[in-house]
């Protein structure tokens, strides 16, 4: 899937994790933390979606921007720690760039797992990458003032230890590089996959596909 989002709205890393989440989605979807619906409209091209955010203004903006898909999207204002849905209501539940904004990520994960039938999709920024490459000046995304958690692989795995699941696939996304350096990122990615390793301090973000 090729998503062309305006550069003024999102950066390439956002596009990568959006494409990843949509490619892994299955059946009826719940998007927790939809913000203003940037990913929601693309998700609705293939799925029925319930999307929500704790910020009612975000939901209003998302709904306004999604008029072409209103027969496939329902927007709901909700708290990630107290979802207003029955158990196993959705095939796929996703929290893309959400957990790092929450005071109690474990509680939110338990709620997400409760309402999911098949899988959870998670994405968080990897602060290990940021601290290694930018020890004195973190990139803009990592300095986001609403980030309450400095997430990394270890922290995410500890959170996941609080829920039960059948299998988890962890993916890393490489930070976009200047054109001459892009081949290097492909070489690193090839060897890491071939050797079945997850190199520390190389992933810009961490994505998880969790099968229930």
C-alpha atoms as a PDB file:
ATOM      1  CA  UNK A   1       0.000   0.000   0.000  1.00  0.00           C
ATOM      2  CA  UNK A   2       1.335   3.410  -0.892  1.00  0.00           C
ATOM      3  CA  UNK A   3       0.133   6.279   1.278  1.00  0.00           C
ATOM      4  CA  UNK A   4       0.857   9.781   0.088  1.00  0.00           C
ATOM      5  CA  UNK A   5       0.407  12.100   3.046  1.00  0.00           C
ATOM      6  CA  UNK A   6       1.263  15.819   2.800  1.00  0.00           C
ATOM      7  CA  UNK A   7       4.750  16.619   4.067  1.00  0.00           C
ATOM      8  CA  UNK A   8       3.279  19.544   5.977  1.00  0.00           C
ATOM      9  CA  UNK A   9       1.147  17.144   7.988  1.00  0.00           C
ATOM     10  CA  UNK A  10       3.367  14.170   8.753  1.00  0.00           C
ATOM     11  CA  UNK A  11       6.942  13.009   8.420  1.00  0.00           C
ATOM     12  CA  UNK A  12       8.151   9.889   6.557  1.00  0.00           C
ATOM     13  CA  UNK A  13       8.353   7.890   9.782  1.00  0.00           C
ATOM     14  CA  UNK A  14       4.648   8.483  10.413  1.00  0.00           C
ATOM     15  CA  UNK A  15       3.871   7.268   6.907  1.00  0.00           C
ATOM     16  CA  UNK A  16       5.904   4.089   7.486  1.00  0.00           C
ATOM     17  CA  UNK A  17       4.092   3.113  10.671  1.00  0.00           C
ATOM     18  CA  UNK A  18       0.723   3.995   9.121  1.00  0.00           C
ATOM     19  CA  UNK A  19       1.409   1.706   6.164  1.00  0.00           C
ATOM     20  CA  UNK A  20       2.570  -1.033   8.532  1.00  0.00           C
ATOM     21  CA  UNK A  21      -0.562  -0.815  10.717  1.00  0.00           C
ATOM     22  CA  UNK A  22      -2.930  -0.872   7.756  1.00  0.00           C
ATOM     23  CA  UNK A  23      -1.135  -3.816   6.136  1.00  0.00           C
ATOM     24  CA  UNK A  24      -1.492  -5.831   9.363  1.00  0.00           C
ATOM     25  CA  UNK A  25      -5.132  -4.928  10.079  1.00  0.00           C
ATOM     26  CA  UNK A  26      -7.799  -7.605   9.822  1.00  0.00           C
ATOM     27  CA  UNK A  27     -11.597  -7.451   9.922  1.00  0.00           C
ATOM     28  CA  UNK A  28     -13.467  -4.896  12.032  1.00  0.00           C
ATOM     29  CA  UNK A  29     -10.971  -2.461  13.579  1.00  0.00           C
ATOM     30  CA  UNK A  30     -10.804  -0.281  16.659  1.00  0.00           C
ATOM     31  CA  UNK A  31      -8.349   2.604  16.459  1.00  0.00           C
ATOM     32  CA  UNK A  32      -7.516   3.885  19.939  1.00  0.00           C
ATOM     33  CA  UNK A  33      -6.104   7.408  19.900  1.00  0.00           C
ATOM     34  CA  UNK A  34      -7.162   8.386  16.388  1.00  0.00           C
ATOM     35  CA  UNK A  35      -6.145  12.041  16.872  1.00  0.00           C
ATOM     36  CA  UNK A  36      -7.570  13.955  13.881  1.00  0.00           C
ATOM     37  CA  UNK A  37      -8.056  10.838  11.758  1.00  0.00           C
ATOM     38  CA  UNK A  38      -4.959  10.864   9.555  1.00  0.00           C
ATOM     39  CA  UNK A  39      -4.728   7.075   9.544  1.00  0.00           C
ATOM     40  CA  UNK A  40      -8.452   6.410   9.933  1.00  0.00           C
ATOM     41  CA  UNK A  41      -9.445   7.355   6.391  1.00  0.00           C
ATOM     42  CA  UNK A  42      -6.860   4.994   4.882  1.00  0.00           C
ATOM     43  CA  UNK A  43      -7.906   2.206   7.229  1.00  0.00           C
ATOM     44  CA  UNK A  44     -11.535   2.678   6.150  1.00  0.00           C
ATOM     45  CA  UNK A  45     -10.662   1.910   2.524  1.00  0.00           C
ATOM     46  CA  UNK A  46     -10.506  -1.788   3.442  1.00  0.00           C
ATOM     47  CA  UNK A  47     -12.126  -2.109   6.870  1.00  0.00           C
ATOM     48  CA  UNK A  48     -15.041  -0.991   9.003  1.00  0.00           C
ATOM     49  CA  UNK A  49     -13.498   1.193  11.717  1.00  0.00           C
ATOM     50  CA  UNK A  50     -14.478   2.487  15.119  1.00  0.00           C
ATOM     51  CA  UNK A  51     -12.043   5.287  15.905  1.00  0.00           C
ATOM     52  CA  UNK A  52     -11.805   7.317  19.051  1.00  0.00           C
ATOM     53  CA  UNK A  53      -9.806   9.706  21.171  1.00  0.00           C
ATOM     54  CA  UNK A  54     -10.086  11.163  24.656  1.00  0.00           C
ATOM     55  CA  UNK A  55     -10.028  14.620  23.046  1.00  0.00           C
ATOM     56  CA  UNK A  56     -13.504  15.415  21.703  1.00  0.00           C
ATOM     57  CA  UNK A  57     -12.170  18.204  19.472  1.00  0.00           C
ATOM     58  CA  UNK A  58      -9.877  15.726  17.730  1.00  0.00           C
ATOM     59  CA  UNK A  59     -12.855  13.453  17.067  1.00  0.00           C
ATOM     60  CA  UNK A  60     -14.838  16.343  15.594  1.00  0.00           C
ATOM     61  CA  UNK A  61     -11.978  17.253  13.250  1.00  0.00           C
ATOM     62  CA  UNK A  62     -11.490  13.610  12.279  1.00  0.00           C
ATOM     63  CA  UNK A  63     -15.171  13.208  11.483  1.00  0.00           C
ATOM     64  CA  UNK A  64     -15.186  16.358   9.387  1.00  0.00           C
ATOM     65  CA  UNK A  65     -12.187  15.125   7.395  1.00  0.00           C
ATOM     66  CA  UNK A  66     -13.723  11.679   6.808  1.00  0.00           C
ATOM     67  CA  UNK A  67     -17.024  12.521   5.111  1.00  0.00           C
ATOM     68  CA  UNK A  68     -16.317  10.214   2.142  1.00  0.00           C
ATOM     69  CA  UNK A  69     -16.112   7.197   4.472  1.00  0.00           C
ATOM     70  CA  UNK A  70     -18.842   7.903   7.000  1.00  0.00           C
ATOM     71  CA  UNK A  71     -20.607   4.638   6.138  1.00  0.00           C
ATOM     72  CA  UNK A  72     -17.440   2.803   7.216  1.00  0.00           C
ATOM     73  CA  UNK A  73     -16.306   4.839  10.252  1.00  0.00           C
ATOM     74  CA  UNK A  74     -17.824   5.577  13.651  1.00  0.00           C
ATOM     75  CA  UNK A  75     -16.068   8.160  15.815  1.00  0.00           C
ATOM     76  CA  UNK A  76     -16.428   7.810  19.584  1.00  0.00           C
ATOM     77  CA  UNK A  77     -14.969   9.859  22.442  1.00  0.00           C
ATOM     78  CA  UNK A  78     -13.448   7.481  24.987  1.00  0.00           C
ATOM     79  CA  UNK A  79     -10.652   6.928  27.495  1.00  0.00           C
ATOM     80  CA  UNK A  80      -8.155   4.207  26.547  1.00  0.00           C
ATOM     81  CA  UNK A  81      -8.266   2.926  30.140  1.00  0.00           C
ATOM     82  CA  UNK A  82     -12.052   2.504  30.116  1.00  0.00           C
ATOM     83  CA  UNK A  83     -13.310   1.455  26.687  1.00  0.00           C
ATOM     84  CA  UNK A  84     -17.123   1.507  26.234  1.00  0.00           C
ATOM     85  CA  UNK A  85     -17.243  -1.798  24.318  1.00  0.00           C
ATOM     86  CA  UNK A  86     -18.078  -5.422  25.076  1.00  0.00           C
ATOM     87  CA  UNK A  87     -15.408  -8.103  25.307  1.00  0.00           C
ATOM     88  CA  UNK A  88     -14.014  -9.289  21.945  1.00  0.00           C
ATOM     89  CA  UNK A  89     -15.910  -6.666  19.953  1.00  0.00           C
ATOM     90  CA  UNK A  90     -13.184  -6.107  17.334  1.00  0.00           C
ATOM     91  CA  UNK A  91     -10.977  -8.299  15.177  1.00  0.00           C
ATOM     92  CA  UNK A  92      -8.084  -5.830  15.329  1.00  0.00           C
ATOM     93  CA  UNK A  93      -7.379  -3.236  18.013  1.00  0.00           C
ATOM     94  CA  UNK A  94      -4.607  -0.751  17.328  1.00  0.00           C
ATOM     95  CA  UNK A  95      -2.747   1.786  19.443  1.00  0.00           C
ATOM     96  CA  UNK A  96      -0.328   3.569  17.131  1.00  0.00           C
ATOM     97  CA  UNK A  97       1.794   6.126  19.008  1.00  0.00           C
ATOM     98  CA  UNK A  98      -0.549   6.037  21.989  1.00  0.00           C
ATOM     99  CA  UNK A  99       1.048   4.154  24.902  1.00  0.00           C
ATOM    100  CA  UNK A 100       3.809   6.730  25.380  1.00  0.00           C
ATOM    101  CA  UNK A 101       1.125   9.374  26.053  1.00  0.00           C
ATOM    102  CA  UNK A 102      -0.594   7.463  28.881  1.00  0.00           C
ATOM    103  CA  UNK A 103      -0.066   7.530  32.631  1.00  0.00           C
ATOM    104  CA  UNK A 104      -1.037   3.860  32.922  1.00  0.00           C
ATOM    105  CA  UNK A 105      -0.072   2.015  29.708  1.00  0.00           C
ATOM    106  CA  UNK A 106      -0.580  -1.424  31.276  1.00  0.00           C
ATOM    107  CA  UNK A 107      -4.208  -0.659  32.119  1.00  0.00           C
ATOM    108  CA  UNK A 108      -4.780   0.522  28.536  1.00  0.00           C
ATOM    109  CA  UNK A 109      -3.173  -2.640  27.147  1.00  0.00           C
ATOM    110  CA  UNK A 110      -5.454  -4.803  29.273  1.00  0.00           C
ATOM    111  CA  UNK A 111      -8.496  -2.898  28.014  1.00  0.00           C
ATOM    112  CA  UNK A 112      -7.326  -3.172  24.405  1.00  0.00           C
ATOM    113  CA  UNK A 113      -6.813  -6.916  24.819  1.00  0.00           C
ATOM    114  CA  UNK A 114     -10.252  -7.279  26.438  1.00  0.00           C
ATOM    115  CA  UNK A 115     -12.123  -5.864  23.445  1.00  0.00           C
ATOM    116  CA  UNK A 116      -9.965  -7.615  20.803  1.00  0.00           C
ATOM    117  CA  UNK A 117     -10.731 -10.992  19.186  1.00  0.00           C
ATOM    118  CA  UNK A 118      -7.709 -11.647  16.963  1.00  0.00           C
ATOM    119  CA  UNK A 119      -4.846  -9.216  17.379  1.00  0.00           C
ATOM    120  CA  UNK A 120      -3.409  -6.010  18.817  1.00  0.00           C
ATOM    121  CA  UNK A 121      -1.219  -3.629  16.819  1.00  0.00           C
ATOM    122  CA  UNK A 122       1.083  -1.345  18.821  1.00  0.00           C
ATOM    123  CA  UNK A 123       3.682   1.248  17.920  1.00  0.00           C
ATOM    124  CA  UNK A 124       5.908   3.306  20.217  1.00  0.00           C
ATOM    125  CA  UNK A 125       8.995   5.467  19.666  1.00  0.00           C
ATOM    126  CA  UNK A 126      12.325   3.911  20.658  1.00  0.00           C
ATOM    127  CA  UNK A 127      14.055   6.290  23.059  1.00  0.00           C
ATOM    128  CA  UNK A 128      17.170   4.102  23.040  1.00  0.00           C
ATOM    129  CA  UNK A 129      17.714   5.164  19.441  1.00  0.00           C
ATOM    130  CA  UNK A 130      17.207   8.817  20.315  1.00  0.00           C
ATOM    131  CA  UNK A 131      19.500   8.787  23.328  1.00  0.00           C
ATOM    132  CA  UNK A 132      22.248   7.039  21.385  1.00  0.00           C
ATOM    133  CA  UNK A 133      22.230   9.327  18.358  1.00  0.00           C
ATOM    134  CA  UNK A 134      21.102  12.559  20.000  1.00  0.00           C
ATOM    135  CA  UNK A 135      22.411  12.537  23.608  1.00  0.00           C
ATOM    136  CA  UNK A 136      22.163  16.319  23.997  1.00  0.00           C
ATOM    137  CA  UNK A 137      19.433  17.205  21.518  1.00  0.00           C
ATOM    138  CA  UNK A 138      16.607  14.747  20.945  1.00  0.00           C
ATOM    139  CA  UNK A 139      14.673  14.804  17.653  1.00  0.00           C
ATOM    140  CA  UNK A 140      11.417  16.729  17.678  1.00  0.00           C
ATOM    141  CA  UNK A 141       9.181  13.665  17.998  1.00  0.00           C
ATOM    142  CA  UNK A 142      10.999  12.452  21.111  1.00  0.00           C
ATOM    143  CA  UNK A 143      10.728  15.885  22.761  1.00  0.00           C
ATOM    144  CA  UNK A 144       6.939  15.850  22.417  1.00  0.00           C
ATOM    145  CA  UNK A 145       5.677  17.337  25.731  1.00  0.00           C
ATOM    146  CA  UNK A 146       2.713  14.951  25.911  1.00  0.00           C
ATOM    147  CA  UNK A 147       5.004  11.904  26.054  1.00  0.00           C
ATOM    148  CA  UNK A 148       4.679  10.592  29.613  1.00  0.00           C
ATOM    149  CA  UNK A 149       6.733   7.430  28.973  1.00  0.00           C
ATOM    150  CA  UNK A 150      10.221   7.136  27.457  1.00  0.00           C
ATOM    151  CA  UNK A 151       9.563   3.885  25.666  1.00  0.00           C
ATOM    152  CA  UNK A 152      12.070   1.307  24.437  1.00  0.00           C
ATOM    153  CA  UNK A 153      12.127  -2.438  23.712  1.00  0.00           C
ATOM    154  CA  UNK A 154      12.657  -3.466  27.341  1.00  0.00           C
ATOM    155  CA  UNK A 155       9.830  -1.306  28.668  1.00  0.00           C
ATOM    156  CA  UNK A 156       7.431  -2.488  25.962  1.00  0.00           C
ATOM    157  CA  UNK A 157       8.207  -6.151  26.684  1.00  0.00           C
ATOM    158  CA  UNK A 158       7.626  -5.534  30.404  1.00  0.00           C
ATOM    159  CA  UNK A 159       4.218  -4.038  29.633  1.00  0.00           C
ATOM    160  CA  UNK A 160       3.342  -6.958  27.376  1.00  0.00           C
ATOM    161  CA  UNK A 161       4.177  -9.311  30.239  1.00  0.00           C
ATOM    162  CA  UNK A 162       0.961  -8.130  31.899  1.00  0.00           C
ATOM    163  CA  UNK A 163      -1.308  -9.552  29.200  1.00  0.00           C
ATOM    164  CA  UNK A 164      -1.640 -13.050  27.748  1.00  0.00           C
ATOM    165  CA  UNK A 165      -1.193 -13.732  24.055  1.00  0.00           C
ATOM    166  CA  UNK A 166      -0.354 -16.545  21.653  1.00  0.00           C
ATOM    167  CA  UNK A 167       2.408 -14.902  19.646  1.00  0.00           C
ATOM    168  CA  UNK A 168       4.032 -11.519  19.124  1.00  0.00           C
ATOM    169  CA  UNK A 169       5.963 -10.220  16.124  1.00  0.00           C
ATOM    170  CA  UNK A 170       8.152  -7.204  16.853  1.00  0.00           C
ATOM    171  CA  UNK A 171       9.176  -4.975  13.966  1.00  0.00           C
ATOM    172  CA  UNK A 172      11.601  -2.076  13.821  1.00  0.00           C
ATOM    173  CA  UNK A 173      11.352   0.869  11.449  1.00  0.00           C
ATOM    174  CA  UNK A 174      14.522   2.556  10.342  1.00  0.00           C
ATOM    175  CA  UNK A 175      14.824   6.305  10.526  1.00  0.00           C
ATOM    176  CA  UNK A 176      14.587   7.948   7.072  1.00  0.00           C
ATOM    177  CA  UNK A 177      18.074   8.785   5.798  1.00  0.00           C
ATOM    178  CA  UNK A 178      19.450  11.223   3.233  1.00  0.00           C
ATOM    179  CA  UNK A 179      19.300   9.707  -0.256  1.00  0.00           C
ATOM    180  CA  UNK A 180      23.004   8.683  -0.476  1.00  0.00           C
ATOM    181  CA  UNK A 181      22.751   6.770   2.817  1.00  0.00           C
ATOM    182  CA  UNK A 182      19.537   4.870   2.113  1.00  0.00           C
ATOM    183  CA  UNK A 183      21.372   1.760   0.732  1.00  0.00           C
ATOM    184  CA  UNK A 184      23.125   1.429   4.095  1.00  0.00           C
ATOM    185  CA  UNK A 185      19.795   1.171   5.904  1.00  0.00           C
ATOM    186  CA  UNK A 186      18.691  -1.605   3.533  1.00  0.00           C
ATOM    187  CA  UNK A 187      21.920  -3.525   4.138  1.00  0.00           C
ATOM    188  CA  UNK A 188      21.455  -3.265   7.913  1.00  0.00           C
ATOM    189  CA  UNK A 189      17.849  -4.347   7.652  1.00  0.00           C
ATOM    190  CA  UNK A 190      18.720  -7.313   5.414  1.00  0.00           C
ATOM    191  CA  UNK A 191      21.378  -8.672   7.767  1.00  0.00           C
ATOM    192  CA  UNK A 192      19.264  -8.144  10.889  1.00  0.00           C
ATOM    193  CA  UNK A 193      16.398 -10.133   9.343  1.00  0.00           C
ATOM    194  CA  UNK A 194      18.694 -12.830   7.938  1.00  0.00           C
ATOM    195  CA  UNK A 195      20.379 -13.330  11.307  1.00  0.00           C
ATOM    196  CA  UNK A 196      17.079 -13.039  13.211  1.00  0.00           C
ATOM    197  CA  UNK A 197      18.315 -10.268  15.462  1.00  0.00           C
ATOM    198  CA  UNK A 198      16.814  -6.997  16.609  1.00  0.00           C
ATOM    199  CA  UNK A 199      19.742  -4.576  16.733  1.00  0.00           C
ATOM    200  CA  UNK A 200      19.597  -2.293  19.738  1.00  0.00           C
ATOM    201  CA  UNK A 201      19.721   1.453  19.131  1.00  0.00           C
ATOM    202  CA  UNK A 202      19.018   1.112  15.430  1.00  0.00           C
ATOM    203  CA  UNK A 203      15.226   1.156  15.324  1.00  0.00           C
ATOM    204  CA  UNK A 204      13.609   4.574  15.273  1.00  0.00           C
ATOM    205  CA  UNK A 205      10.293   3.081  16.354  1.00  0.00           C
ATOM    206  CA  UNK A 206       9.004  -0.270  17.564  1.00  0.00           C
ATOM    207  CA  UNK A 207       5.896  -1.932  16.158  1.00  0.00           C
ATOM    208  CA  UNK A 208       4.245  -5.055  17.566  1.00  0.00           C
ATOM    209  CA  UNK A 209       1.731  -7.420  16.003  1.00  0.00           C
ATOM    210  CA  UNK A 210       0.231  -9.406  18.888  1.00  0.00           C
ATOM    211  CA  UNK A 211      -1.880 -12.495  18.191  1.00  0.00           C
ATOM    212  CA  UNK A 212      -4.419 -13.388  20.880  1.00  0.00           C
END
